[in-house]
Amino acid sequence: MKYKFFLFFIFTLLLGLSNPKVSFSQEAANDIFAADDDDLNVGGDIFTDFNEDVENAKLVEDERFYRYGRFFSFNASLGLTIFDGNRGIAYQNAPPSFGLSFTFFKDFQTALALGLEFSKHSMFLSGPVRGFPNAKNADGTDAAPGLVDVSMLRVFIGWRYYVDTANLGTAITYSNPYLVGRLEYWYQTNKYEDQSQLPKDSGGGLGFGLGFGLEFPVELKESYVGLEFLVHTVNFPDKNSQKYAPLHSGGYGFENLGGNAYSTMVSYVFNW
């Protein structure tokens, strides 16, 4: 009898081992995390669901931009360019500055810009300077360069970030504020009006511009009036030169022409 019971026990054990579905299902039934796994699998892969949400949101945003956004703009500008430091002391500014630029909008908040600006300045060197020791007056004395006409042409590529004004006041929303950063190349030409025998000086240097702007709509999506303020750091070719330092002790001149530039431009903006 005991021998038959022992054989029945061995047969039952072997039957259970040969049927893994039964053992696995029982194991899953005792797993406290099985219900959570089932919940996660109801809607599919959570990462796939997340990607679909992102893609749908991007599609909605693109549709909204194509319907309400601006795509391109052309800007015609007038303004003022001034300097600080020794360059600001030496220069007399001759406004207005002129500007033309083209802006491409990537979305509601970012845009790229290409353009150029031009400004005129002058300085008067009343005494002889080191850069022209051979310039002489009719009586043989050292000649002063006199009036120097300065032209500044700058080309730039810029990036704009339009501030999200959804939760701000109506006046701020109406002004369309934005931040701007630019990579610039300044080309400078000095012409010596009182010493025609002296050759023109020309050269260029890289610079950076940072600032902010406002755009007030005249007709929504079609035309705006823009106002932009920028600070420019420029590596002018004569920035650290002593070319305009006085030739004689106690004379008039500048040891260097260091200084930053500041521009204020008012633009009429055409959009399409």
Protein backbone atom coordinates (compact mmCIF):
# COMPACT_ATOMS: atom_id res chain seq x y z
CA MET A 1 0.00 0.00 0.00
CA LYS A 2 2.78 2.36 0.94
CA TYR A 3 4.60 1.38 -2.22
CA LYS A 4 1.56 2.31 -4.38
CA PHE A 5 1.19 5.66 -2.58
CA PHE A 6 4.86 6.44 -3.18
CA LEU A 7 4.50 5.67 -6.91
CA PHE A 8 1.40 7.92 -7.13
CA PHE A 9 3.35 10.77 -5.49
CA ILE A 10 6.24 10.39 -7.94
CA PHE A 11 3.85 10.32 -10.91
CA THR A 12 2.06 13.48 -9.77
CA LEU A 13 5.38 15.31 -9.27
CA LEU A 14 6.61 14.38 -12.74
CA LEU A 15 3.32 15.48 -14.28
CA GLY A 16 3.64 18.90 -12.65
CA LEU A 17 7.21 19.39 -13.87
CA SER A 18 6.27 18.41 -17.42
CA ASN A 19 3.52 21.11 -17.55
CA PRO A 20 5.28 24.50 -17.06
CA LYS A 21 2.17 26.49 -18.03
CA VAL A 22 0.49 25.41 -14.84
CA SER A 23 3.44 26.29 -12.65
CA PHE A 24 4.06 29.65 -14.42
CA SER A 25 0.42 30.64 -14.17
CA GLN A 26 0.38 29.85 -10.49
CA GLU A 27 3.58 31.82 -10.02
CA ALA A 28 2.06 34.79 -11.83
CA ALA A 29 -1.04 34.55 -9.70
CA ASN A 30 1.11 34.93 -6.58
CA ASP A 31 3.17 37.81 -8.07
CA ILE A 32 2.01 41.08 -6.42
CA PHE A 33 3.30 43.10 -9.42
CA ALA A 34 1.39 41.10 -12.05
CA ALA A 35 -1.62 43.44 -11.90
CA ASP A 36 0.59 46.48 -12.41
CA ASP A 37 2.20 44.85 -15.45
CA ASP A 38 -1.23 44.19 -16.89
CA ASP A 39 -2.22 47.83 -16.34
CA LEU A 40 0.90 49.06 -18.14
CA ASN A 41 0.23 46.78 -21.10
CA VAL A 42 -3.39 47.83 -21.60
CA GLY A 43 -2.56 50.89 -23.71
CA GLY A 44 0.61 49.56 -25.29
CA ASP A 45 4.19 50.69 -24.73
CA ILE A 46 4.35 53.87 -22.58
CA PHE A 47 7.30 55.19 -24.63
CA THR A 48 5.35 54.76 -27.85
CA ASP A 49 2.39 56.58 -26.29
CA PHE A 50 4.70 59.42 -25.20
CA ASN A 51 6.19 59.77 -28.67
CA GLU A 52 2.75 59.90 -30.21
CA ASP A 53 1.74 62.71 -27.82
CA VAL A 54 4.85 64.72 -28.71
CA GLU A 55 4.28 64.26 -32.44
CA ASN A 56 0.62 65.27 -32.15
CA ALA A 57 1.50 68.37 -30.13
CA LYS A 58 4.18 69.35 -32.67
CA LEU A 59 1.71 68.88 -35.51
CA VAL A 60 -0.86 71.11 -33.80
CA GLU A 61 1.79 73.77 -33.15
CA ASP A 62 2.95 73.69 -36.77
CA GLU A 63 -0.61 74.06 -38.01
CA ARG A 64 -1.15 77.02 -35.69
CA PHE A 65 2.08 78.67 -36.89
CA TYR A 66 1.19 78.25 -40.58
CA ARG A 67 -2.20 79.77 -39.90
CA TYR A 68 -1.32 82.70 -37.60
CA GLY A 69 2.46 83.17 -37.78
CA ARG A 70 4.78 85.39 -39.81
CA PHE A 71 7.17 83.72 -42.26
CA PHE A 72 9.46 86.45 -43.67
CA SER A 73 10.02 90.14 -43.04
CA PHE A 74 11.99 92.96 -44.65
CA ASN A 75 13.23 95.78 -42.42
CA ALA A 76 14.26 99.31 -43.50
CA SER A 77 15.88 101.18 -40.61
CA LEU A 78 17.12 104.60 -39.50
CA GLY A 79 18.86 105.33 -36.22
CA LEU A 80 21.92 106.43 -34.29
CA THR A 81 25.30 104.79 -33.63
CA ILE A 82 27.52 106.10 -30.82
CA PHE A 83 30.67 104.96 -28.97
CA ASP A 84 32.16 105.10 -25.50
CA GLY A 85 35.79 105.14 -24.33
CA ASN A 86 38.46 107.00 -26.30
CA ARG A 87 36.60 106.35 -29.55
CA GLY A 88 33.56 108.08 -28.12
CA ILE A 89 35.71 111.08 -27.13
CA ALA A 90 37.40 111.25 -30.53
CA TYR A 91 34.33 110.79 -32.74
CA GLN A 92 31.63 113.23 -33.68
CA ASN A 93 28.61 111.24 -34.86
CA ALA A 94 26.76 112.12 -38.05
CA PRO A 95 23.27 110.58 -37.86
CA PRO A 96 21.28 108.93 -39.20
CA SER A 97 22.59 105.40 -39.44
CA PHE A 98 20.98 103.30 -42.18
CA GLY A 99 20.02 99.64 -42.12
CA LEU A 100 18.46 96.95 -44.29
CA SER A 101 17.75 93.39 -43.11
CA PHE A 102 15.80 90.25 -43.92
CA THR A 103 14.27 88.01 -41.23
CA PHE A 104 13.20 84.37 -41.52
CA PHE A 105 10.84 83.03 -38.81
CA LYS A 106 11.33 79.41 -37.76
CA ASP A 107 8.33 79.42 -35.40
CA PHE A 108 6.44 81.83 -33.16
CA GLN A 109 9.44 82.50 -30.91
CA THR A 110 12.65 82.14 -32.96
CA ALA A 111 13.91 83.86 -36.10
CA LEU A 112 17.13 84.32 -38.06
CA ALA A 113 18.20 87.65 -39.59
CA LEU A 114 20.66 88.79 -42.27
CA GLY A 115 21.44 92.42 -42.92
CA LEU A 116 23.75 95.41 -43.08
CA GLU A 117 24.00 98.81 -41.41
CA PHE A 118 25.97 101.96 -42.25
CA SER A 119 26.95 104.95 -40.12
CA LYS A 120 29.09 108.07 -40.58
CA HIS A 121 31.41 109.72 -38.03
CA SER A 122 34.30 112.14 -37.96
CA MET A 123 37.19 113.18 -35.77
CA PHE A 124 39.44 116.23 -35.79
CA LEU A 125 43.15 115.83 -35.02
CA SER A 126 44.47 119.30 -34.32
CA GLY A 127 48.08 118.25 -33.75
CA PRO A 128 50.62 116.01 -35.51
CA VAL A 129 50.33 112.32 -34.65
CA ARG A 130 52.69 109.34 -34.77
CA GLY A 131 50.99 107.70 -37.71
CA PHE A 132 52.04 110.51 -40.11
CA PRO A 133 55.41 111.87 -38.95
CA ASN A 134 56.33 112.98 -42.46
CA ALA A 135 53.29 115.17 -43.03
CA LYS A 136 54.55 118.77 -43.27
CA ASN A 137 53.06 122.21 -43.59
CA ALA A 138 54.26 124.68 -46.21
CA ASP A 139 56.69 126.21 -43.70
CA GLY A 140 58.21 122.78 -42.91
CA THR A 141 56.56 122.24 -39.53
CA ASP A 142 54.80 118.98 -38.68
CA ALA A 143 51.30 118.93 -40.06
CA ALA A 144 48.18 117.80 -38.22
CA PRO A 145 45.89 115.36 -40.05
CA GLY A 146 42.95 117.67 -39.39
CA LEU A 147 39.45 116.43 -40.24
CA VAL A 148 39.08 112.65 -40.64
CA ASP A 149 35.88 111.35 -42.24
CA VAL A 150 34.98 107.89 -40.85
CA SER A 151 32.60 105.42 -42.50
CA MET A 152 31.38 102.28 -40.72
CA LEU A 153 29.74 99.48 -42.72
CA ARG A 154 28.68 96.38 -40.81
CA VAL A 155 27.14 93.16 -42.07
CA PHE A 156 25.59 90.70 -39.65
CA ILE A 157 23.79 87.43 -39.08
CA GLY A 158 21.48 87.46 -36.08
CA TRP A 159 19.22 85.33 -33.94
CA ARG A 160 16.00 86.56 -32.31
CA TYR A 161 13.97 85.06 -29.48
CA TYR A 162 10.46 86.47 -29.11
CA VAL A 163 9.31 86.41 -25.49
CA ASP A 164 6.16 84.42 -24.74
CA THR A 165 3.66 87.09 -23.62
CA ALA A 166 0.63 84.82 -23.14
CA ASN A 167 0.51 85.50 -19.38
CA LEU A 168 1.66 89.13 -19.52
CA GLY A 169 -0.23 92.40 -19.81
CA THR A 170 -1.91 93.65 -22.97
CA ALA A 171 0.61 96.47 -23.48
CA ILE A 172 3.57 94.06 -23.36
CA THR A 173 1.82 91.59 -25.64
CA TYR A 174 1.07 94.37 -28.12
CA SER A 175 4.77 95.39 -28.27
CA ASN A 176 6.10 91.91 -29.28
CA PRO A 177 9.34 92.06 -27.23
CA TYR A 178 12.33 89.99 -28.31
CA LEU A 179 15.97 89.37 -27.44
CA VAL A 180 18.62 89.54 -30.15
CA GLY A 181 22.20 88.39 -30.61
CA ARG A 182 24.34 89.09 -33.69
CA LEU A 183 27.67 88.10 -35.20
CA GLU A 184 28.98 91.12 -37.10
CA TYR A 185 31.79 92.24 -39.36
CA TRP A 186 32.59 95.98 -39.24
CA TYR A 187 34.43 97.54 -42.17
CA GLN A 188 35.95 100.94 -41.36
CA THR A 189 37.27 103.58 -43.79
CA ASN A 190 39.13 106.75 -42.70
CA LYS A 191 39.46 109.57 -45.23
CA TYR A 192 41.74 112.55 -44.42
CA GLU A 193 39.84 115.54 -45.74
CA ASP A 194 42.45 118.19 -44.85
CA GLN A 195 45.45 116.14 -46.01
CA SER A 196 44.51 114.82 -49.42
CA GLN A 197 48.01 113.42 -49.95
CA LEU A 198 47.49 110.96 -47.12
CA PRO A 199 46.09 107.60 -48.25
CA LYS A 200 42.76 106.30 -46.94
CA ASP A 201 42.86 103.78 -44.11
CA SER A 202 40.58 100.77 -44.49
CA GLY A 203 40.19 97.63 -42.44
CA GLY A 204 37.71 95.42 -40.70
CA GLY A 205 37.13 93.46 -37.54
CA LEU A 206 34.70 90.95 -36.06
CA GLY A 207 32.19 91.98 -33.46
CA PHE A 208 29.22 90.82 -31.43
CA GLY A 209 25.95 92.59 -30.73
CA LEU A 210 23.50 91.92 -27.90
CA GLY A 211 20.26 93.68 -27.06
CA PHE A 212 16.49 93.66 -27.30
CA GLY A 213 13.76 95.03 -29.50
CA LEU A 214 10.06 95.78 -29.76
CA GLU A 215 7.67 95.52 -32.72
CA PHE A 216 4.39 97.44 -32.69
CA PRO A 217 1.83 96.25 -35.26
CA VAL A 218 0.48 98.72 -37.78
CA GLU A 219 -1.50 95.98 -39.50
CA LEU A 220 -1.34 92.51 -38.00
CA LYS A 221 0.85 90.05 -39.94
CA GLU A 222 1.53 92.70 -42.61
CA SER A 223 3.45 95.69 -41.23
CA TYR A 224 5.09 96.72 -37.96
CA VAL A 225 7.17 99.55 -36.52
CA GLY A 226 10.28 98.17 -34.81
CA LEU A 227 12.57 99.64 -32.17
CA GLU A 228 15.90 97.92 -31.41
CA PHE A 229 18.70 98.65 -28.91
CA LEU A 230 22.09 96.93 -29.22
CA VAL A 231 25.49 96.98 -27.53
CA HIS A 232 28.39 96.07 -29.85
CA THR A 233 31.85 94.82 -28.93
CA VAL A 234 34.13 95.17 -31.97
CA ASN A 235 37.77 94.40 -32.63
CA PHE A 236 38.48 97.46 -34.79
CA PRO A 237 41.79 97.45 -36.69
CA ASP A 238 42.90 100.67 -34.94
CA LYS A 239 41.51 99.73 -31.52
CA ASN A 240 44.88 99.36 -29.78
CA SER A 241 46.97 101.32 -32.27
CA GLN A 242 48.97 104.40 -31.25
CA LYS A 243 48.67 105.79 -34.73
CA TYR A 244 46.71 108.77 -33.44
CA ALA A 245 48.85 109.33 -30.35
CA PRO A 246 50.44 112.85 -30.23
CA LEU A 247 53.78 113.11 -32.00
CA HIS A 248 55.12 115.57 -29.43
CA SER A 249 54.71 115.52 -25.65
CA GLY A 250 51.69 117.51 -24.57
CA GLY A 251 50.12 117.44 -28.03
CA TYR A 252 46.57 116.45 -28.93
CA GLY A 253 45.83 112.84 -29.80
CA PHE A 254 44.70 109.44 -28.51
CA GLU A 255 46.86 106.61 -27.19
CA ASN A 256 44.26 104.15 -28.50
CA LEU A 257 40.74 104.14 -29.85
CA GLY A 258 39.19 101.59 -27.52
CA GLY A 259 35.47 101.62 -26.84
CA ASN A 260 32.19 99.83 -27.43
CA ALA A 261 29.46 100.85 -29.85
CA TYR A 262 25.77 101.40 -29.11
CA SER A 263 23.03 101.53 -31.72
CA THR A 264 19.37 102.51 -31.63
CA MET A 265 17.42 101.72 -34.79
CA VAL A 266 13.81 102.43 -35.74
CA SER A 267 12.50 100.17 -38.50
CA TYR A 268 9.50 99.81 -40.72
CA VAL A 269 8.84 96.09 -41.10
CA PHE A 270 7.08 94.50 -44.06
CA ASN A 271 5.82 90.93 -43.54
CA TRP A 272 4.56 88.18 -45.77
